Protein backbone atom coordinates (compact mmCIF):
# COMPACT_ATOMS: atom_id res chain seq x y z
CA MET A 1 -15.03 5.97 1.98
CA SER A 2 -17.38 3.09 1.11
CA ARG A 3 -16.45 0.41 -1.38
CA GLY A 4 -19.03 1.60 -3.92
CA THR A 5 -17.69 5.15 -3.84
CA THR A 6 -14.15 3.86 -4.27
CA VAL A 7 -15.10 1.78 -7.29
CA VAL A 8 -16.96 4.66 -8.92
CA SER A 9 -14.07 7.06 -8.34
CA ILE A 10 -11.57 4.57 -9.82
CA VAL A 11 -13.75 4.01 -12.89
CA LEU A 12 -14.18 7.77 -13.40
CA ALA A 13 -10.44 8.37 -13.00
CA LEU A 14 -9.63 5.63 -15.52
CA GLY A 15 -12.18 7.10 -17.94
CA ALA A 16 -10.60 10.54 -17.62
CA LEU A 17 -7.16 9.01 -18.13
CA LEU A 18 -8.41 7.21 -21.23
CA ALA A 19 -9.80 10.45 -22.65
CA ALA A 20 -6.57 12.31 -21.87
CA SER A 21 -4.51 9.55 -23.50
CA TYR A 22 -6.57 9.74 -26.68
CA GLY A 23 -6.17 13.51 -26.60
CA VAL A 24 -2.39 13.20 -26.43
CA ARG A 25 -2.38 10.60 -29.19
CA TYR A 26 -4.50 12.49 -31.68
CA THR A 27 -3.43 16.06 -30.93
CA LEU A 28 0.28 15.73 -30.16
CA MET A 29 1.48 12.48 -31.72
CA GLU A 30 -0.57 12.15 -34.93
CA ASP A 31 -1.55 15.71 -35.79
CA VAL A 32 0.03 16.86 -39.06
CA ARG A 33 0.59 20.38 -37.69
CA TRP A 34 2.89 19.10 -34.95
CA VAL A 35 4.78 16.85 -37.32
CA GLY A 36 5.48 19.85 -39.57
CA ALA A 37 6.27 22.18 -36.68
CA CYS A 38 8.71 19.72 -35.14
CA LEU A 39 10.47 19.22 -38.46
CA GLY A 40 10.97 22.98 -38.70
CA ASP A 41 11.94 23.77 -35.08
CA ALA A 42 12.71 20.75 -32.91
CA GLY A 43 13.62 23.02 -30.00
CA LEU A 44 10.01 23.74 -29.04
CA TRP A 45 9.09 22.25 -25.69
CA GLN A 46 6.09 20.51 -27.29
CA CYS A 47 8.43 18.85 -29.75
CA GLN A 48 10.71 17.78 -26.93
CA VAL A 49 7.76 16.22 -25.08
CA ARG A 50 6.64 14.55 -28.31
CA ALA A 51 10.13 13.14 -28.90
CA GLY A 52 10.44 11.89 -25.32
CA LEU A 53 7.06 10.24 -25.48
CA GLY A 54 8.07 8.70 -28.79
CA TRP A 55 11.11 7.11 -27.16
CA LEU A 56 8.99 5.79 -24.29
CA ILE A 57 6.61 4.27 -26.81
CA HIS A 58 9.42 2.86 -28.96
CA PHE A 59 11.09 1.06 -26.05
CA LYS A 60 7.70 0.05 -24.58
CA ALA A 61 8.67 1.62 -21.26
CA ILE A 62 5.12 2.57 -20.26
CA ALA A 63 3.77 -0.91 -20.98
CA GLY A 64 6.76 -2.51 -19.28
CA ALA A 65 6.21 -0.47 -16.13
CA ALA A 66 2.53 -1.42 -16.15
CA LEU A 67 3.32 -5.10 -16.57
CA ALA A 68 5.96 -5.02 -13.83
CA CYS A 69 3.50 -3.37 -11.43
CA ALA A 70 0.78 -5.86 -12.34
CA LEU A 71 3.02 -8.88 -11.81
CA LEU A 72 4.28 -7.53 -8.51
CA ALA A 73 0.70 -6.77 -7.45
CA GLN A 74 -0.19 -10.44 -7.95
CA ALA A 75 2.59 -11.45 -5.57
CA LEU A 76 1.94 -8.92 -2.80
CA ALA A 77 -0.97 -9.17 -0.41
CA GLY A 78 -3.04 -6.44 1.19
CA ARG A 79 -2.91 -2.76 0.47
CA ALA A 80 0.46 -2.88 -1.26
CA GLY A 81 -0.86 -5.32 -3.86
CA ARG A 82 -3.99 -3.26 -4.44
CA ALA A 83 -1.97 -0.06 -4.78
CA LEU A 84 0.36 -1.68 -7.31
CA ALA A 85 -2.63 -3.04 -9.23
CA LEU A 86 -4.07 0.46 -9.43
CA LEU A 87 -0.69 1.77 -10.55
CA ALA A 88 -0.60 -0.95 -13.22
CA LEU A 89 -3.96 0.28 -14.50
CA LEU A 90 -2.77 3.88 -14.45
CA PHE A 91 0.24 2.96 -16.59
CA GLY A 92 -1.60 0.35 -18.65
CA VAL A 93 -4.47 2.46 -19.97
CA PRO A 94 -2.21 5.06 -21.64
CA ALA A 95 0.02 2.27 -22.92
CA LEU A 96 -3.01 0.66 -24.60
CA VAL A 97 -3.81 3.90 -26.38
CA LEU A 98 -0.22 4.87 -27.17
CA TYR A 99 0.78 2.00 -29.46
CA SER A 100 1.92 -0.57 -26.87
CA ALA A 101 -1.18 -2.72 -26.68
CA SER A 102 0.62 -6.06 -26.93
CA LEU A 103 2.14 -5.81 -23.44
CA ALA A 104 -0.34 -3.40 -21.89
CA VAL A 105 -3.32 -5.67 -22.35
CA PHE A 106 -1.80 -8.21 -19.98
CA ALA A 107 -1.01 -5.51 -17.44
CA VAL A 108 -4.55 -4.12 -17.54
CA VAL A 109 -6.12 -7.57 -17.19
CA LEU A 110 -3.81 -8.60 -14.33
CA GLY A 111 -4.24 -5.26 -12.57
CA GLY A 112 -8.01 -5.41 -12.92
CA LEU A 113 -8.14 -8.99 -11.65
CA ARG A 114 -6.02 -8.04 -8.66
CA LEU A 115 -8.32 -5.14 -7.82
CA VAL A 116 -11.46 -7.25 -7.89
CA ARG A 117 -9.91 -10.14 -5.98
CA GLY A 118 -11.12 -10.54 -2.41
CA ARG A 119 -9.34 -9.25 0.66
CA VAL A 120 -6.11 -11.16 0.17
């Protein structure tokens, strides 16, 4: 796969992940229907997913994982560093959308810088 094709596929995947993250935010987390449904019957699997995601957001676990991957990607050379930088972006983009922007912005910037860095 050529470098141009790789870059285009990464950008398209990150765009799709961004759209999916906004979908989760506005349909599952902030929609009034789900808030009311989960108050009435918290046993629904959608309510369980919503609650679990709420805990991950509250403890900034998604943003923390993204930042850890980004920092480790800066230290590792070669394919391992590039793979961790991509993983940092894959965790960082949803964390930006899902209320953890303070930590996730650093992870996204560090991951992006590691991906565009030369063959080191």
